[in-house]
Amino acid sequence: MGTQISEKDIRDIVAKVLSNMNGGEAVTAKYSSTEYNGRKYIGVFADMNDAIAAANEGYKKVRAMSVEERERIITEIRKLARAEALTMATLGVNETGMGKIEHKRLKHILVADKTPGTEDICPTAKTGDHGLTLIEMAPFGVVGAITPSTNPSETVICNSIGMIAAGNGVVFNPHPNAIATSNYAVDLVNRASKAAGGPEVLVASTQKPTLESASIMYGHKLIRLLVCTGGPGVVKSVLSSGKKAIGAGAGNPPVIVDDTADVQKAAKDIIDGCTFDNNLPCIAEKEVFAFANIADDLIAGMKRNGAYQITSEQAAQLAKIVLVEKTGKDGKTKKIVNRDCVGRDADVILAKIGIKVGKDVRCIICETDFNHEFVQEELMMPILPIVRVSNIDEAIDLAVKAEHGNRHTAHMHSKNIDHLSRFAKAVETTIFVKNAPSYAGIGFGGEGHTTFTIAGPTGEGITSARSFTRQRRCVMADSFRII
């Protein structure tokens, strides 16, 4: 993941970056979605139809390129993503108000280093008495991609690398709350393509993404594949489009800690994972089920690693702030996550109930019962409920229920192979992390490639270039076999 830098270094660099933005003013949601520091973004259009047309022209050009030429573009994307990781991280935090700059910087480097390229597109061959069959992975054409506000530029770059490696053109409809950051990444990909001898516009986006622009994307005849990274509502709309779609939906990842675990390591790992980018990653630990006989030690370990424990009364008070009531079109009222709290620092959230702490506090922990809102709702903020359980049967039963059948991600800290196996089989998640922070599941401190599009609903799982291809078969009957 590269060399770690100190908090002071981060503050100094961020101050320098911010001084170059809008004459020294901090970036806000009003920051331009079409230029950065006087540089016009490449590939950003006022009309979605124009964006799709440009992406289609890019697709025609990349389709005519060799795999080696494609890989040169990807190499340049990686280079620029590393060089401009801090700029994108700063843009993301200041535009959306969510997450941590240093953690977003690390995520961009992770994407640059561990997103698979053209090496993921491997042909296969079968021979026999009746000749040779060659199976190759071909592009779809133009991919329409919906990206989130939680990981805006990270998702754009990760998707772009994989989709370009597969030979596609790409058009993005970014989240409306992260347009400037997302379009910065679109511009970066196009600058990389141009520098590597590729088309000037290989990926495209729109200045003002809306539901209407998304609808145009869904129905456009040139869009052959839709890829959505977002909440359940937008994933549902993509899957209802009538086109081939890849959906990366929500999760509510549980953690089990049994009495065979290295409890102090588990405490640190859970807090590290839960607080990474202030709990914005959908894989992050959201609720803990701890064996009662080790729960006190686990909580003490969490406190030593930056957790602040609140009482049940304070948790009830906080729940009224981080979850707000909303009346739907059907007239029914339900509680939803308060966007003003998503991805915020723990001290900022605690201040809302009158508790003042320093920046050394990374996470808010509290003991709750299973039915508590903090357990049942995916908050995407550094609040971690802990439920005591008596044995592995109860732990697995409650953890599976808390995951709500999303089959996204789950975690467990244990040295008991039977316990680990039982939970993995019961929860059926796309990612299952054992004895490590959640981010090990996407290649940060763990083996395997990374992605920010984890397609549980549609089954592609940890997506890569291969996910954005279609199989083509070529058969030579009774020939070419040399045995």
Protein backbone atom coordinates (compact mmCIF):
# COMPACT_ATOMS: atom_id res chain seq x y z
CA MET A 1 0.00 0.00 0.00
CA GLY A 2 3.01 2.28 -0.04
CA THR A 3 4.74 4.24 2.69
CA GLN A 4 2.56 5.57 5.50
CA ILE A 5 2.70 9.33 6.10
CA SER A 6 2.18 11.12 9.39
CA GLU A 7 -0.90 13.12 10.38
CA LYS A 8 1.20 16.33 10.27
CA ASP A 9 2.39 15.51 6.75
CA ILE A 10 -1.23 14.92 5.71
CA ARG A 11 -2.35 18.25 7.17
CA ASP A 12 0.50 20.12 5.44
CA ILE A 13 -0.15 18.47 2.07
CA VAL A 14 -3.90 18.95 2.32
CA ALA A 15 -3.42 22.62 3.15
CA LYS A 16 -1.25 22.97 0.03
CA VAL A 17 -3.81 21.14 -2.13
CA LEU A 18 -6.67 23.25 -0.80
CA SER A 19 -4.72 26.46 -1.42
CA ASN A 20 -4.75 25.64 -5.13
CA MET A 21 -8.53 25.18 -5.24
CA ASN A 22 -10.76 28.16 -6.04
CA GLY A 23 -8.16 30.67 -4.92
CA GLY A 24 -7.65 29.02 -1.54
CA GLU A 25 -11.29 28.30 -0.73
CA ALA A 26 -12.22 24.84 0.49
CA VAL A 27 -13.86 22.49 -1.98
CA THR A 28 -17.63 22.25 -1.58
CA ALA A 29 -20.43 20.43 -3.32
CA LYS A 30 -20.63 23.50 -5.58
CA TYR A 31 -17.12 22.93 -6.89
CA SER A 32 -17.07 22.67 -10.68
CA SER A 33 -17.99 19.35 -12.25
CA THR A 34 -16.35 20.39 -15.53
CA GLU A 35 -12.93 21.71 -14.54
CA TYR A 36 -10.24 21.61 -11.88
CA ASN A 37 -7.93 24.48 -11.05
CA GLY A 38 -8.45 25.96 -14.52
CA ARG A 39 -8.04 22.66 -16.39
CA LYS A 40 -11.12 21.66 -18.38
CA TYR A 41 -12.24 18.08 -17.80
CA ILE A 42 -12.01 15.81 -20.83
CA GLY A 43 -15.02 13.59 -21.54
CA VAL A 44 -17.65 15.44 -19.51
CA PHE A 45 -20.76 16.42 -21.48
CA ALA A 46 -23.87 18.47 -20.81
CA ASP A 47 -26.11 15.80 -22.40
CA MET A 48 -26.07 12.09 -21.60
CA ASN A 49 -26.74 11.25 -25.26
CA ASP A 50 -23.56 13.09 -26.26
CA ALA A 51 -21.62 11.31 -23.53
CA ILE A 52 -22.81 7.92 -24.79
CA ALA A 53 -21.93 8.83 -28.38
CA ALA A 54 -18.41 9.87 -27.30
CA ALA A 55 -17.94 6.67 -25.30
CA ASN A 56 -19.04 4.68 -28.34
CA GLU A 57 -16.39 6.38 -30.49
CA GLY A 58 -13.85 5.56 -27.79
CA TYR A 59 -15.00 1.95 -27.83
CA LYS A 60 -14.51 1.72 -31.61
CA LYS A 61 -10.95 2.99 -31.26
CA VAL A 62 -9.99 0.80 -28.30
CA ARG A 63 -11.51 -2.23 -30.02
CA ALA A 64 -9.10 -1.67 -32.92
CA MET A 65 -6.12 -1.51 -30.55
CA SER A 66 -3.93 -4.45 -29.58
CA VAL A 67 -4.02 -5.85 -26.05
CA GLU A 68 -0.53 -4.44 -25.55
CA GLU A 69 -1.75 -0.95 -26.49
CA ARG A 70 -4.70 -1.31 -24.11
CA GLU A 71 -2.32 -2.29 -21.33
CA ARG A 72 -0.24 0.83 -21.98
CA ILE A 73 -3.34 2.95 -21.31
CA ILE A 74 -4.00 1.04 -18.09
CA THR A 75 -0.39 1.49 -16.98
CA GLU A 76 -0.75 5.23 -17.47
CA ILE A 77 -4.04 5.25 -15.51
CA ARG A 78 -2.27 3.51 -12.62
CA LYS A 79 0.57 6.04 -12.77
CA LEU A 80 -1.73 9.06 -12.67
CA ALA A 81 -3.97 7.51 -10.00
CA ARG A 82 -0.97 7.09 -7.70
CA ALA A 83 0.36 10.57 -8.41
CA GLU A 84 -3.02 12.26 -7.88
CA ALA A 85 -4.36 10.04 -5.09
CA LEU A 86 -4.18 12.79 -2.48
CA THR A 87 -5.89 15.34 -4.73
CA MET A 88 -8.80 12.97 -5.38
CA ALA A 89 -8.99 12.02 -1.70
CA THR A 90 -9.16 15.68 -0.72
CA LEU A 91 -11.77 16.43 -3.35
CA GLY A 92 -13.87 13.48 -2.19
CA VAL A 93 -13.88 14.42 1.49
CA ASN A 94 -14.53 18.10 0.87
CA GLU A 95 -17.25 17.62 -1.72
CA THR A 96 -19.19 14.90 0.12
CA GLY A 97 -18.21 15.69 3.72
CA MET A 98 -17.63 11.96 4.24
CA GLY A 99 -14.61 9.86 5.11
CA LYS A 100 -10.96 10.53 5.87
CA ILE A 101 -8.45 12.01 3.42
CA GLU A 102 -5.58 9.67 4.32
CA HIS A 103 -7.78 6.58 4.05
CA LYS A 104 -9.14 7.69 0.68
CA ARG A 105 -5.56 8.27 -0.47
CA LEU A 106 -4.75 4.68 0.46
CA LYS A 107 -7.84 3.43 -1.38
CA HIS A 108 -6.74 5.15 -4.58
CA ILE A 109 -3.30 3.56 -4.31
CA LEU A 110 -4.95 0.19 -3.66
CA VAL A 111 -7.03 0.61 -6.82
CA ALA A 112 -3.97 1.65 -8.84
CA ASP A 113 -1.90 -1.30 -7.64
CA LYS A 114 -4.36 -4.17 -7.34
CA THR A 115 -7.11 -3.75 -9.94
CA PRO A 116 -6.51 -6.44 -12.59
CA GLY A 117 -5.79 -5.36 -16.16
CA THR A 118 -5.59 -7.28 -19.43
CA GLU A 119 -3.94 -10.26 -17.72
CA ASP A 120 -7.42 -11.09 -16.42
CA ILE A 121 -8.73 -11.70 -19.94
CA CYS A 122 -7.45 -15.22 -20.56
CA PRO A 123 -8.66 -17.31 -23.51
CA THR A 124 -9.19 -21.04 -23.12
CA ALA A 125 -8.86 -23.84 -25.66
CA LYS A 126 -10.29 -27.36 -25.82
CA THR A 127 -9.05 -30.08 -28.12
CA GLY A 128 -10.26 -33.59 -28.83
CA ASP A 129 -10.96 -36.09 -31.55
CA HIS A 130 -13.11 -33.54 -33.37
CA GLY A 131 -10.65 -30.64 -33.51
CA LEU A 132 -10.09 -27.38 -31.64
CA THR A 133 -12.46 -24.99 -29.86
CA LEU A 134 -11.19 -21.56 -28.79
CA ILE A 135 -13.12 -19.51 -26.20
CA GLU A 136 -12.24 -15.83 -25.88
CA MET A 137 -13.55 -13.07 -23.63
CA ALA A 138 -14.92 -10.25 -25.79
CA PRO A 139 -16.09 -6.74 -24.87
CA PHE A 140 -19.77 -5.84 -24.63
CA GLY A 141 -19.31 -2.45 -26.29
CA VAL A 142 -20.31 0.60 -24.27
CA VAL A 143 -20.83 0.00 -20.55
CA GLY A 144 -23.14 2.29 -18.59
CA ALA A 145 -21.92 2.63 -14.98
CA ILE A 146 -23.62 4.11 -11.92
CA THR A 147 -21.15 5.12 -9.19
CA PRO A 148 -21.60 6.02 -5.49
CA SER A 149 -20.75 9.01 -3.33
CA THR A 150 -18.98 6.83 -0.73
CA ASN A 151 -16.12 5.79 -3.03
CA PRO A 152 -16.62 8.08 -6.04
CA SER A 153 -13.26 8.46 -7.79
CA GLU A 154 -12.04 5.08 -6.51
CA THR A 155 -14.97 3.34 -8.21
CA VAL A 156 -14.59 5.31 -11.46
CA ILE A 157 -10.91 4.39 -11.74
CA CYS A 158 -11.41 0.76 -10.67
CA ASN A 159 -14.30 0.31 -13.13
CA SER A 160 -12.40 2.08 -15.90
CA ILE A 161 -9.33 -0.14 -15.59
CA GLY A 162 -11.39 -3.33 -15.70
CA MET A 163 -13.78 -2.21 -18.42
CA ILE A 164 -11.00 -0.83 -20.66
CA ALA A 165 -8.94 -3.99 -20.13
CA ALA A 166 -11.97 -5.90 -21.40
CA GLY A 167 -12.04 -3.66 -24.51
CA ASN A 168 -15.14 -1.61 -23.65
CA GLY A 169 -15.94 2.08 -23.77
CA VAL A 170 -17.55 3.48 -20.62
CA VAL A 171 -20.09 6.17 -19.75
CA PHE A 172 -20.66 7.11 -16.11
CA ASN A 173 -23.68 8.55 -14.35
CA PRO A 174 -22.05 9.57 -11.04
CA HIS A 175 -23.82 10.09 -7.74
CA PRO A 176 -25.18 13.68 -7.66
CA ASN A 177 -23.39 14.37 -4.36
CA ALA A 178 -19.96 13.51 -5.80
CA ILE A 179 -20.02 14.90 -9.33
CA ALA A 180 -16.82 16.97 -9.17
CA THR A 181 -14.79 14.13 -7.67
CA SER A 182 -16.17 11.50 -10.04
CA ASN A 183 -15.60 13.67 -13.09
CA TYR A 184 -12.06 14.43 -11.97
CA ALA A 185 -11.45 10.68 -12.18
CA VAL A 186 -13.11 10.52 -15.62
CA ASP A 187 -10.78 13.29 -16.78
CA LEU A 188 -7.79 11.46 -15.28
CA VAL A 189 -8.61 8.29 -17.25
CA ASN A 190 -8.92 10.28 -20.47
CA ARG A 191 -5.67 12.15 -19.83
CA ALA A 192 -3.99 8.78 -19.30
CA SER A 193 -5.50 7.40 -22.51
CA LYS A 194 -4.31 10.38 -24.53
CA ALA A 195 -0.81 10.21 -23.01
CA ALA A 196 -0.56 6.52 -23.89
CA GLY A 197 -1.65 7.03 -27.52
CA GLY A 198 -5.28 6.04 -26.98
CA PRO A 199 -8.46 7.97 -27.80
CA GLU A 200 -8.86 11.37 -26.14
CA VAL A 201 -12.29 10.35 -24.86
CA LEU A 202 -12.33 6.72 -23.81
CA VAL A 203 -14.68 7.15 -20.86
CA ALA A 204 -17.37 9.80 -20.56
CA SER A 205 -19.68 11.38 -18.02
CA THR A 206 -22.25 14.11 -17.66
CA GLN A 207 -22.07 17.52 -16.01
CA LYS A 208 -25.28 17.08 -14.06
CA PRO A 209 -26.25 13.45 -13.44
CA THR A 210 -29.92 13.00 -12.65
CA LEU A 211 -32.57 10.30 -12.63
CA GLU A 212 -33.40 11.44 -16.16
CA SER A 213 -29.81 11.01 -17.38
CA ALA A 214 -29.74 7.58 -15.75
CA SER A 215 -32.99 6.69 -17.52
CA ILE A 216 -31.48 7.73 -20.86
CA MET A 217 -28.51 5.49 -20.12
CA TYR A 218 -30.73 2.52 -19.24
CA GLY A 219 -32.70 2.76 -22.45
CA HIS A 220 -30.04 3.79 -24.96
CA LYS A 221 -29.47 1.31 -27.77
CA LEU A 222 -25.67 1.68 -27.61
CA ILE A 223 -25.49 0.61 -23.96
CA ARG A 224 -24.94 -3.15 -23.91
CA LEU A 225 -24.11 -3.65 -20.22
CA LEU A 226 -25.13 -1.76 -17.06
CA VAL A 227 -23.00 -1.81 -13.92
CA CYS A 228 -24.31 -0.30 -10.70
CA THR A 229 -22.40 0.30 -7.48
CA GLY A 230 -24.82 1.80 -4.97
CA GLY A 231 -27.78 1.42 -2.65
CA PRO A 232 -30.69 -1.01 -3.02
CA GLY A 233 -32.94 1.47 -4.83
CA VAL A 234 -30.59 2.25 -7.70
CA VAL A 235 -29.49 -1.39 -7.99
CA LYS A 236 -33.14 -2.40 -8.30
CA SER A 237 -33.71 0.14 -11.07
CA VAL A 238 -30.71 -1.16 -13.03
CA LEU A 239 -31.82 -4.76 -12.66
CA SER A 240 -35.27 -3.74 -13.93
CA SER A 241 -33.83 -2.17 -17.09
CA GLY A 242 -34.24 -5.25 -19.25
CA LYS A 243 -30.53 -5.23 -20.11
CA LYS A 244 -27.62 -7.33 -18.91
CA ALA A 245 -26.72 -5.80 -15.54
CA ILE A 246 -24.18 -6.23 -12.78
CA GLY A 247 -25.41 -5.01 -9.40
CA ALA A 248 -23.27 -4.25 -6.37
CA GLY A 249 -25.68 -3.66 -3.52
CA ALA A 250 -25.74 -2.85 0.16
CA GLY A 251 -24.53 -5.00 3.03
CA ASN A 252 -24.64 -5.05 6.83
CA PRO A 253 -21.54 -7.09 7.68
CA PRO A 254 -21.59 -8.89 11.05
CA VAL A 255 -18.54 -9.94 13.07
CA ILE A 256 -18.39 -12.92 15.41
CA VAL A 257 -15.69 -13.16 18.09
CA ASP A 258 -15.61 -16.50 19.91
CA ASP A 259 -13.66 -17.54 22.99
CA THR A 260 -10.82 -19.15 21.02
CA ALA A 261 -9.89 -15.89 19.28
CA ASP A 262 -6.83 -13.75 19.94
CA VAL A 263 -9.08 -11.23 21.64
CA GLN A 264 -6.67 -8.30 21.71
CA LYS A 265 -5.82 -8.71 18.03
CA ALA A 266 -9.52 -9.06 17.23
CA ALA A 267 -10.24 -5.81 19.10
CA LYS A 268 -7.63 -3.90 17.10
CA ASP A 269 -8.60 -5.49 13.78
CA ILE A 270 -12.30 -4.74 14.26
CA ILE A 271 -11.70 -1.09 15.18
CA ASP A 272 -9.22 -0.68 12.30
CA GLY A 273 -11.72 -2.13 9.84
CA CYS A 274 -14.78 -0.40 11.22
CA THR A 275 -13.13 3.04 11.19
CA PHE A 276 -11.40 2.81 7.82
CA ASP A 277 -12.71 5.82 5.90
CA ASN A 278 -15.21 6.26 8.74
CA ASN A 279 -17.04 3.01 7.91
CA LEU A 280 -17.99 4.01 4.37
CA PRO A 281 -16.82 0.79 2.67
CA CYS A 282 -19.74 -1.62 2.32
CA ILE A 283 -17.47 -4.44 3.55
CA ALA A 284 -16.72 -2.72 6.88
CA GLU A 285 -17.69 -4.24 10.22
CA LYS A 286 -21.17 -3.02 11.18
CA GLU A 287 -22.12 -5.08 14.29
CA VAL A 288 -20.30 -7.46 16.65
CA PHE A 289 -21.52 -10.69 18.25
CA ALA A 290 -19.10 -11.52 21.07
CA PHE A 291 -19.06 -14.55 23.34
CA ALA A 292 -20.07 -13.34 26.80
CA ASN A 293 -16.99 -14.81 28.50
CA ILE A 294 -14.59 -12.68 26.41
CA ALA A 295 -16.79 -9.62 25.77
CA ASP A 296 -15.32 -7.51 28.59
CA ASP A 297 -11.76 -8.15 27.37
CA LEU A 298 -12.80 -7.36 23.79
CA ILE A 299 -14.41 -4.07 24.79
CA ALA A 300 -11.35 -3.11 26.86
CA GLY A 301 -9.13 -3.86 23.85
CA MET A 302 -11.34 -1.74 21.61
CA LYS A 303 -11.03 1.17 24.03
CA ARG A 304 -7.24 0.87 23.92
CA ASN A 305 -7.49 1.19 20.14
CA GLY A 306 -9.50 4.39 19.95
CA ALA A 307 -13.04 3.35 20.84
CA TYR A 308 -15.29 5.37 23.15
CA GLN A 309 -18.06 3.44 24.93
CA ILE A 310 -21.43 5.10 25.42
CA THR A 311 -24.24 4.00 27.72
CA SER A 312 -27.54 2.52 26.58
CA GLU A 313 -29.22 5.84 27.37
CA GLN A 314 -26.69 7.72 25.26
CA ALA A 315 -27.13 5.15 22.47
CA ALA A 316 -30.88 5.81 22.50
CA GLN A 317 -30.23 9.53 22.32
CA LEU A 318 -27.77 9.07 19.46
CA ALA A 319 -30.15 6.80 17.55
CA LYS A 320 -32.68 9.65 17.32
CA ILE A 321 -30.02 11.74 15.57
CA VAL A 322 -28.35 9.30 13.19
CA LEU A 323 -31.65 7.73 12.14
CA VAL A 324 -34.47 10.02 11.02
CA GLU A 325 -38.07 9.37 10.06
CA LYS A 326 -39.18 9.73 6.47
CA THR A 327 -42.66 9.37 5.00
CA GLY A 328 -42.78 7.51 1.70
CA LYS A 329 -45.11 7.93 -1.24
CA ASP A 330 -47.31 5.23 0.26
CA GLY A 331 -47.83 7.36 3.35
CA LYS A 332 -45.87 4.98 5.57
CA THR A 333 -43.19 6.32 7.86
CA LYS A 334 -39.85 4.56 8.19
CA LYS A 335 -36.46 5.37 9.64
CA ILE A 336 -33.56 6.09 7.33
CA VAL A 337 -29.93 6.97 7.91
CA ASN A 338 -29.25 10.69 8.46
CA ARG A 339 -26.96 11.66 5.57
CA ASP A 340 -25.45 14.44 7.69
CA CYS A 341 -23.91 11.74 9.90
CA VAL A 342 -22.76 9.23 7.26
CA GLY A 343 -18.98 8.95 7.08
CA ARG A 344 -18.39 11.61 9.75
CA ASP A 345 -15.67 11.42 12.39
CA ALA A 346 -16.56 9.84 15.71
CA ASP A 347 -15.91 13.05 17.66
CA VAL A 348 -18.26 14.99 15.35
CA ILE A 349 -21.04 12.46 15.89
CA LEU A 350 -20.51 12.36 19.67
CA ALA A 351 -20.67 16.17 19.83
CA LYS A 352 -24.27 15.93 18.60
CA ILE A 353 -25.24 14.45 21.97
CA GLY A 354 -23.00 16.79 23.95
CA ILE A 355 -19.98 14.52 24.38
CA LYS A 356 -16.66 16.22 23.66
CA VAL A 357 -13.70 14.01 22.82
CA GLY A 358 -10.47 14.39 20.87
CA LYS A 359 -9.54 13.17 17.40
CA ASP A 360 -7.87 10.15 19.00
CA VAL A 361 -11.37 8.67 19.40
CA ARG A 362 -12.01 6.76 16.19
CA CYS A 363 -15.10 4.72 16.99
CA ILE A 364 -18.23 4.82 19.15
CA ILE A 365 -19.08 1.47 20.74
CA CYS A 366 -22.07 0.43 22.80
CA GLU A 367 -23.62 -2.75 24.12
CA THR A 368 -27.09 -3.42 22.72
CA ASP A 369 -29.54 -6.23 22.24
CA PHE A 370 -30.08 -7.85 18.86
CA ASN A 371 -33.13 -5.78 17.97
CA HIS A 372 -31.42 -2.42 18.42
CA GLU A 373 -31.49 -0.11 15.40
CA PHE A 374 -27.70 0.08 15.36
CA VAL A 375 -27.60 -3.68 14.72
CA GLN A 376 -30.36 -3.80 12.15
CA GLU A 377 -29.48 -0.73 10.03
CA GLU A 378 -26.37 -0.24 7.91
CA LEU A 379 -25.25 3.12 9.31
CA MET A 380 -21.99 3.69 7.37
CA MET A 381 -20.52 5.67 10.23
CA PRO A 382 -18.05 4.72 13.01
CA ILE A 383 -20.70 3.41 15.41
CA LEU A 384 -20.32 -0.22 16.43
CA PRO A 385 -22.95 -2.10 18.48
CA ILE A 386 -21.82 -5.15 20.47
CA VAL A 387 -24.21 -7.99 21.30
CA ARG A 388 -23.25 -10.63 23.87
CA VAL A 389 -23.99 -14.25 22.91
CA SER A 390 -23.67 -17.44 24.91
CA ASN A 391 -22.41 -19.87 22.27
CA ILE A 392 -21.62 -20.38 18.58
CA ASP A 393 -25.17 -21.46 17.71
CA GLU A 394 -26.63 -18.22 19.00
CA ALA A 395 -23.83 -16.18 17.42
CA ILE A 396 -24.35 -17.67 13.96
CA ASP A 397 -28.14 -17.46 14.17
CA LEU A 398 -28.12 -13.75 15.10
CA ALA A 399 -25.29 -12.81 12.73
CA VAL A 400 -27.02 -14.39 9.74
CA LYS A 401 -30.25 -12.57 10.61
CA ALA A 402 -28.43 -9.24 11.03
CA GLU A 403 -26.83 -9.66 7.58
CA HIS A 404 -30.39 -9.62 6.18
CA GLY A 405 -29.65 -12.01 3.35
CA ASN A 406 -27.57 -9.47 1.43
CA ARG A 407 -24.85 -12.11 1.10
CA HIS A 408 -22.29 -9.32 0.94
CA THR A 409 -19.59 -9.62 3.63
CA ALA A 410 -19.09 -11.25 7.02
CA HIS A 411 -16.19 -11.55 9.45
CA MET A 412 -15.09 -13.87 12.21
CA HIS A 413 -12.27 -13.97 14.76
CA SER A 414 -11.64 -17.52 15.93
CA LYS A 415 -9.08 -20.32 16.02
CA ASN A 416 -11.80 -22.96 15.89
CA ILE A 417 -11.95 -24.32 12.33
CA ASP A 418 -15.39 -25.85 12.90
CA HIS A 419 -16.80 -22.50 14.06
CA LEU A 420 -15.27 -20.68 11.08
CA SER A 421 -16.58 -23.24 8.62
CA ARG A 422 -20.07 -23.31 10.10
CA PHE A 423 -20.47 -19.55 9.97
CA ALA A 424 -19.09 -19.30 6.42
CA LYS A 425 -21.56 -21.92 5.21
CA ALA A 426 -24.50 -20.38 7.04
CA VAL A 427 -24.00 -16.74 6.03
CA GLU A 428 -23.21 -17.39 2.31
CA THR A 429 -21.54 -14.02 1.78
CA THR A 430 -19.48 -12.98 -1.23
CA ILE A 431 -16.62 -12.05 1.10
CA PHE A 432 -15.76 -13.86 4.34
CA VAL A 433 -12.80 -12.49 6.31
CA LYS A 434 -11.15 -14.58 9.02
CA ASN A 435 -8.98 -13.05 11.75
CA ALA A 436 -8.25 -9.77 9.96
CA PRO A 437 -9.72 -6.30 9.44
CA SER A 438 -12.53 -6.13 6.88
CA TYR A 439 -10.40 -4.40 4.26
CA ALA A 440 -8.27 -7.54 3.90
CA GLY A 441 -11.25 -8.84 1.93
CA ILE A 442 -10.50 -6.43 -0.93
CA GLY A 443 -6.77 -7.02 -1.01
CA PHE A 444 -5.57 -4.40 1.51
CA GLY A 445 -3.41 -6.52 3.80
CA GLY A 446 -4.87 -9.69 2.28
CA GLU A 447 -4.18 -11.69 -0.87
CA GLY A 448 -6.16 -11.26 -4.06
CA HIS A 449 -7.16 -8.39 -6.34
CA THR A 450 -9.24 -5.40 -5.35
CA THR A 451 -12.53 -3.98 -6.54
CA PHE A 452 -15.04 -1.37 -5.40
CA THR A 453 -17.88 -3.11 -7.25
CA ILE A 454 -18.76 -6.21 -5.23
CA ALA A 455 -21.58 -7.82 -7.14
CA GLY A 456 -23.43 -9.99 -4.68
CA PRO A 457 -26.99 -9.58 -6.05
CA THR A 458 -26.03 -10.67 -9.58
CA GLY A 459 -23.35 -13.17 -8.60
CA GLU A 460 -20.19 -11.83 -10.24
CA GLY A 461 -18.68 -11.29 -6.79
CA ILE A 462 -15.31 -9.50 -6.66
CA THR A 463 -15.55 -8.01 -10.14
CA SER A 464 -12.59 -7.64 -12.48
CA ALA A 465 -12.00 -7.17 -16.21
CA ARG A 466 -13.37 -10.66 -16.93
CA SER A 467 -16.71 -9.65 -15.35
CA PHE A 468 -17.22 -7.04 -18.09
CA THR A 469 -16.83 -9.47 -20.99
CA ARG A 470 -18.95 -11.95 -22.89
CA GLN A 471 -17.80 -15.35 -24.11
CA ARG A 472 -17.26 -15.99 -27.80
CA ARG A 473 -16.51 -19.44 -29.20
CA CYS A 474 -14.62 -20.33 -32.39
CA VAL A 475 -14.65 -23.96 -33.55
CA MET A 476 -12.35 -25.67 -36.06
CA ALA A 477 -13.81 -29.14 -36.58
CA ASP A 478 -11.50 -32.10 -37.22
CA SER A 479 -8.41 -29.89 -37.52
CA PHE A 480 -5.61 -28.15 -35.60
CA ARG A 481 -5.23 -30.91 -33.04
CA ILE A 482 -1.59 -31.97 -33.15
CA ILE A 483 -1.69 -35.07 -30.98
